[in-house]
Amino acid sequence: MHIRRRKLPALVMLVVCYAGWGQSAYAQPWIPPAGSGKIKTTVRFYHSDRLFPQTSFSSSTTPTHSKLSETQFRIDGEQGIGQGWALVYQLRAALLTKSKPKASYSAGGLQDQQIGLSYGLRQRAHFADAITVNVIIPTGRTSTTPQLGTGALAVEPDYEVGVEHNFGSRLAYAGLSVGPRIYVRDGVTQVRASAVVGVGVIRRLTVIGTLFFSKTLASNALAISTTPNASEFYNILRGGVGLEYAVTKNVRPVIAYQMDLAGQSIHAGSRLVAGVSWRY
């Protein structure tokens, strides 16, 4: 599928529900009680054979002479530790393949890991906000082709806010997370934001959607021509839709489709995501 058909309204990608049972449950920015938490494991299949323009942020794409494929295994989690605090983390490993007309290169292993602390500010039944400080640890190798990480330590303070409302037996939810990612070695900064909003469809079924945006502010970021798959230069708008089904109150399989909607000097591709979340 060519990514050039990316004129879908952004609001279509903002359809998400939160808890398919029609009752409130915790998730960032709601801080779980001590000893409680959530783990979500996913596998993500990404493919790209097109490229966004190098000189401007745009939804238009052109064919590229190289194809990029990624199979990523990811674990997202949060663990309540008491007094309004939670440990949060994203653990990643992947197999990357970059194919050119006359050669193909593959690399597999750990990617960069993310770990942080969240603190709840206002924690009400239908409104919550929190601050999170993440550290991105450069465990992904840059000596491989393709690279598996940026090779640089980064910090990412985020502000998160969420609201929810019950329309009869249906739960509507909206959330926003925004903050900079700052690379320690050279001060390169990316402004990042993600948003979700939606409503439950039926008792157990949830319609899922996401939007993610990243914009690099510094002109001294390591360019894609220098580190093609480990670049600090990361300008992208990505959206996704999917479904989550509550097998039980705490176990929820999920499947989603994500697509790069716009970007600059970066691959344009699509991704299929499948996984399961477990609340405990």
Protein backbone atom coordinates (compact mmCIF):
# COMPACT_ATOMS: atom_id res chain seq x y z
CA MET A 1 0.00 0.00 0.00
CA HIS A 2 1.45 3.37 -0.99
CA ILE A 3 1.61 5.86 1.84
CA ARG A 4 0.78 8.75 -0.48
CA ARG A 5 -2.90 8.29 0.38
CA ARG A 6 -2.48 9.99 3.74
CA LYS A 7 -5.08 12.71 3.38
CA LEU A 8 -7.33 11.11 6.00
CA PRO A 9 -8.56 13.69 8.50
CA ALA A 10 -6.47 13.67 11.63
CA LEU A 11 -9.55 13.35 13.77
CA VAL A 12 -10.22 9.89 12.35
CA MET A 13 -6.98 8.81 13.97
CA LEU A 14 -8.09 10.15 17.35
CA VAL A 15 -10.75 7.50 18.01
CA VAL A 16 -9.91 5.59 21.13
CA CYS A 17 -11.69 4.10 24.11
CA TYR A 18 -10.19 3.30 27.43
CA ALA A 19 -11.96 0.60 29.45
CA GLY A 20 -14.33 -1.72 27.66
CA TRP A 21 -16.28 -2.66 30.80
CA GLY A 22 -17.77 0.83 31.15
CA GLN A 23 -16.06 1.47 34.46
CA SER A 24 -13.11 3.61 35.34
CA ALA A 25 -9.70 1.98 35.55
CA TYR A 26 -6.26 3.47 35.96
CA ALA A 27 -3.80 4.46 33.28
CA GLN A 28 -1.52 7.41 32.88
CA PRO A 29 -2.18 10.10 34.03
CA TRP A 30 -4.12 8.13 36.64
CA ILE A 31 -1.50 6.71 39.01
CA PRO A 32 -2.12 3.09 40.13
CA PRO A 33 -2.08 2.23 43.84
CA ALA A 34 1.05 0.75 45.34
CA GLY A 35 1.47 -2.85 44.25
CA SER A 36 -0.88 -2.47 41.28
CA GLY A 37 0.05 -1.88 37.68
CA LYS A 38 -0.31 -2.70 34.02
CA ILE A 39 1.84 -4.54 31.49
CA LYS A 40 1.25 -4.41 27.75
CA THR A 41 3.25 -6.62 25.40
CA THR A 42 3.10 -6.04 21.65
CA VAL A 43 4.75 -7.12 18.44
CA ARG A 44 4.93 -4.49 15.68
CA PHE A 45 5.48 -5.18 11.99
CA TYR A 46 6.66 -2.08 10.11
CA HIS A 47 7.36 -1.69 6.40
CA SER A 48 8.41 1.31 4.31
CA ASP A 49 9.52 1.83 0.71
CA ARG A 50 8.83 5.57 0.49
CA LEU A 51 10.42 8.77 1.83
CA PHE A 52 9.11 12.12 3.04
CA PRO A 53 10.66 15.31 1.53
CA GLN A 54 14.04 16.40 2.87
CA THR A 55 13.38 20.14 2.80
CA SER A 56 9.89 20.47 4.32
CA PHE A 57 7.39 18.77 6.62
CA SER A 58 4.82 17.31 4.26
CA SER A 59 2.39 14.44 3.66
CA SER A 60 3.76 13.86 0.15
CA THR A 61 6.16 10.97 -0.41
CA THR A 62 8.46 9.66 -3.11
CA PRO A 63 9.74 6.14 -3.77
CA THR A 64 13.08 5.33 -2.19
CA HIS A 65 15.74 2.96 -3.52
CA SER A 66 15.89 1.23 -0.11
CA LYS A 67 13.16 -0.65 1.74
CA LEU A 68 13.03 -0.75 5.52
CA SER A 69 11.32 -3.53 7.50
CA GLU A 70 11.14 -3.88 11.26
CA THR A 71 9.73 -6.51 13.60
CA GLN A 72 9.71 -4.96 17.05
CA PHE A 73 8.93 -6.58 20.39
CA ARG A 74 7.89 -4.10 23.05
CA ILE A 75 6.82 -4.16 26.70
CA ASP A 76 5.11 -1.08 28.15
CA GLY A 77 4.42 -1.03 31.87
CA GLU A 78 3.52 1.01 34.90
CA GLN A 79 3.91 0.01 38.54
CA GLY A 80 2.40 1.92 41.47
CA ILE A 81 4.95 2.48 44.24
CA GLY A 82 2.82 4.55 46.64
CA GLN A 83 2.44 8.18 47.73
CA GLY A 84 1.21 9.16 44.26
CA TRP A 85 4.29 7.77 42.44
CA ALA A 86 4.58 5.15 39.71
CA LEU A 87 7.44 3.52 37.84
CA VAL A 88 6.92 3.53 34.06
CA TYR A 89 8.95 1.82 31.36
CA GLN A 90 9.18 0.90 27.66
CA LEU A 91 11.46 -2.03 26.82
CA ARG A 92 12.23 -2.70 23.15
CA ALA A 93 14.04 -5.16 20.92
CA ALA A 94 13.80 -5.53 17.16
CA LEU A 95 14.95 -7.14 13.95
CA LEU A 96 15.64 -4.53 11.26
CA THR A 97 16.17 -5.23 7.57
CA LYS A 98 17.22 -2.65 5.00
CA SER A 99 17.07 -3.82 1.39
CA LYS A 100 18.69 -2.09 -1.57
CA PRO A 101 18.69 -3.17 -5.22
CA LYS A 102 22.11 -4.84 -4.89
CA ALA A 103 22.34 -5.64 -1.18
CA SER A 104 20.38 -6.38 1.97
CA TYR A 105 21.42 -5.68 5.55
CA SER A 106 19.89 -7.01 8.78
CA ALA A 107 20.49 -6.36 12.47
CA GLY A 108 18.74 -7.59 15.58
CA GLY A 109 18.90 -6.99 19.30
CA LEU A 110 18.03 -4.46 21.95
CA GLN A 111 16.91 -0.98 20.98
CA ASP A 112 17.07 2.08 23.24
CA GLN A 113 15.12 1.57 26.49
CA GLN A 114 12.96 4.08 28.35
CA ILE A 115 12.35 4.19 32.09
CA GLY A 116 10.85 6.91 34.25
CA LEU A 117 8.91 8.09 37.27
CA SER A 118 5.38 9.54 37.24
CA TYR A 119 3.83 11.68 39.96
CA GLY A 120 0.10 12.32 40.10
CA LEU A 121 -1.02 15.90 40.55
CA ARG A 122 -4.85 16.04 40.54
CA GLN A 123 -6.25 12.51 40.75
CA ARG A 124 -10.02 12.73 40.49
CA ALA A 125 -12.58 10.22 39.25
CA HIS A 126 -13.07 11.88 35.87
CA PHE A 127 -9.98 14.12 35.60
CA ALA A 128 -6.31 13.53 36.29
CA ASP A 129 -2.97 15.02 35.42
CA ALA A 130 0.58 13.98 36.16
CA ILE A 131 4.20 14.75 35.43
CA THR A 132 6.62 12.10 34.21
CA VAL A 133 10.38 12.25 33.81
CA ASN A 134 11.77 9.57 31.49
CA VAL A 135 15.36 8.61 30.78
CA ILE A 136 16.15 7.08 27.36
CA ILE A 137 19.04 4.67 27.80
CA PRO A 138 21.14 4.05 24.63
CA THR A 139 21.29 0.25 24.70
CA GLY A 140 20.69 -0.06 20.95
CA ARG A 141 23.88 -0.60 18.93
CA THR A 142 24.90 2.01 16.35
CA SER A 143 27.70 -0.11 14.90
CA THR A 144 25.25 -2.32 12.99
CA THR A 145 23.64 -1.76 9.61
CA PRO A 146 20.89 -0.76 10.11
CA GLN A 147 21.49 0.88 13.48
CA LEU A 148 19.40 -0.19 16.47
CA GLY A 149 19.63 3.02 18.51
CA THR A 150 20.75 6.63 18.65
CA GLY A 151 23.82 5.96 20.80
CA ALA A 152 22.93 8.92 23.01
CA LEU A 153 21.42 9.37 26.47
CA ALA A 154 18.30 11.53 26.58
CA VAL A 155 15.83 12.84 29.16
CA GLU A 156 12.15 13.48 28.51
CA PRO A 157 9.94 15.38 30.99
CA ASP A 158 6.25 15.10 30.09
CA TYR A 159 2.99 16.63 31.27
CA GLU A 160 -0.01 14.31 30.97
CA VAL A 161 -3.68 15.13 31.32
CA GLY A 162 -6.78 12.97 30.92
CA VAL A 163 -10.56 13.29 31.20
CA GLU A 164 -13.32 10.70 31.04
CA HIS A 165 -17.12 10.76 31.06
CA ASN A 166 -19.85 8.15 31.10
CA PHE A 167 -22.61 8.40 28.51
CA GLY A 168 -24.95 5.82 29.97
CA SER A 169 -23.03 2.54 29.87
CA ARG A 170 -20.40 3.97 27.49
CA LEU A 171 -17.19 5.55 28.64
CA ALA A 172 -15.60 8.42 26.68
CA TYR A 173 -11.95 9.27 27.27
CA ALA A 174 -9.50 11.88 26.06
CA GLY A 175 -5.86 12.35 26.94
CA LEU A 176 -2.80 14.38 25.99
CA SER A 177 0.90 13.98 26.74
CA VAL A 178 3.43 16.63 25.72
CA GLY A 179 7.05 17.35 26.51
CA PRO A 180 10.58 17.68 25.10
CA ARG A 181 13.14 14.94 24.53
CA ILE A 182 16.59 16.39 25.20
CA TYR A 183 19.77 14.58 24.12
CA VAL A 184 22.44 15.05 26.78
CA ARG A 185 25.52 14.95 24.51
CA ASP A 186 24.63 17.97 22.37
CA GLY A 187 21.37 19.48 23.68
CA VAL A 188 19.37 18.53 20.59
CA THR A 189 15.69 18.80 21.51
CA GLN A 190 12.61 17.17 20.05
CA VAL A 191 9.15 18.41 20.96
CA ARG A 192 6.86 15.37 21.28
CA ALA A 193 3.13 15.01 21.80
CA SER A 194 0.63 12.16 21.76
CA ALA A 195 -3.17 12.29 22.01
CA VAL A 196 -6.03 9.83 22.45
CA VAL A 197 -9.81 10.24 22.54
CA GLY A 198 -12.78 7.96 22.05
CA VAL A 199 -15.77 6.02 23.31
CA GLY A 200 -16.67 2.41 24.01
CA VAL A 201 -18.54 0.66 21.19
CA ILE A 202 -20.17 -2.22 23.07
CA ARG A 203 -19.71 -3.78 26.50
CA ARG A 204 -16.39 -5.50 25.81
CA LEU A 205 -15.17 -3.93 22.55
CA THR A 206 -13.05 -0.80 22.40
CA VAL A 207 -12.20 1.23 19.31
CA ILE A 208 -8.58 2.33 19.56
CA GLY A 209 -6.72 5.21 17.97
CA THR A 210 -3.57 7.26 18.48
CA LEU A 211 -1.79 10.34 17.23
CA PHE A 212 1.92 10.97 17.74
CA PHE A 213 3.92 14.05 16.70
CA SER A 214 7.63 14.81 16.92
CA LYS A 215 9.52 17.91 15.76
CA THR A 216 13.28 18.44 16.08
CA LEU A 217 14.18 22.01 17.05
CA ALA A 218 17.99 22.04 16.80
CA SER A 219 19.78 22.39 13.48
CA ASN A 220 22.78 20.45 14.83
CA ALA A 221 20.87 17.16 15.13
CA LEU A 222 22.62 14.16 13.65
CA ALA A 223 21.04 13.93 10.22
CA ILE A 224 19.56 10.92 8.51
CA SER A 225 22.46 11.01 6.04
CA THR A 226 24.86 10.49 8.97
CA THR A 227 22.93 7.89 10.97
CA PRO A 228 20.04 6.76 8.75
CA ASN A 229 18.17 4.69 11.34
CA ALA A 230 19.46 6.23 14.56
CA SER A 231 18.91 9.88 13.78
CA GLU A 232 18.25 12.60 16.34
CA PHE A 233 16.40 14.35 13.53
CA TYR A 234 12.90 12.93 13.93
CA ASN A 235 10.05 14.89 12.34
CA ILE A 236 6.94 12.73 12.07
CA LEU A 237 3.15 12.68 12.43
CA ARG A 238 1.75 9.17 12.93
CA GLY A 239 -1.82 7.99 13.43
CA GLY A 240 -3.40 4.66 14.22
CA VAL A 241 -6.72 2.86 14.61
CA GLY A 242 -7.52 -0.52 16.12
CA LEU A 243 -9.59 -2.66 18.45
CA GLU A 244 -9.25 -3.85 22.03
CA TYR A 245 -11.39 -6.66 23.45
CA ALA A 246 -11.87 -7.34 27.16
CA VAL A 247 -11.56 -11.09 27.56
CA THR A 248 -11.73 -10.48 31.32
CA LYS A 249 -11.71 -7.33 33.40
CA ASN A 250 -7.91 -7.31 33.41
CA VAL A 251 -6.86 -9.13 30.20
CA ARG A 252 -7.36 -7.29 26.90
CA PRO A 253 -5.96 -8.35 23.50
CA VAL A 254 -5.42 -5.51 21.04
CA ILE A 255 -4.79 -5.16 17.31
CA ALA A 256 -4.08 -1.88 15.53
CA TYR A 257 -2.89 -0.36 12.27
CA GLN A 258 -0.59 2.68 12.29
CA MET A 259 0.44 4.90 9.42
CA ASP A 260 2.97 7.71 8.99
CA LEU A 261 0.84 10.66 7.90
CA ALA A 262 3.48 13.36 7.39
CA GLY A 263 7.16 13.93 8.02
CA GLN A 264 10.47 15.33 6.87
CA SER A 265 13.61 13.51 5.68
CA ILE A 266 12.44 10.20 7.14
CA HIS A 267 10.95 6.94 5.92
CA ALA A 268 7.18 6.85 5.37
CA GLY A 269 5.59 3.55 6.23
CA SER A 270 2.84 1.62 7.97
CA ARG A 271 2.74 -0.75 10.91
CA LEU A 272 0.56 -3.62 12.15
CA VAL A 273 0.45 -3.99 15.94
CA ALA A 274 -0.82 -6.99 17.91
CA GLY A 275 -0.57 -7.64 21.61
CA VAL A 276 -2.26 -7.99 24.98
CA SER A 277 -2.47 -5.90 28.14
CA TRP A 278 -2.76 -7.20 31.69
CA ARG A 279 -3.81 -5.20 34.73
CA TYR A 280 -2.93 -6.53 38.16
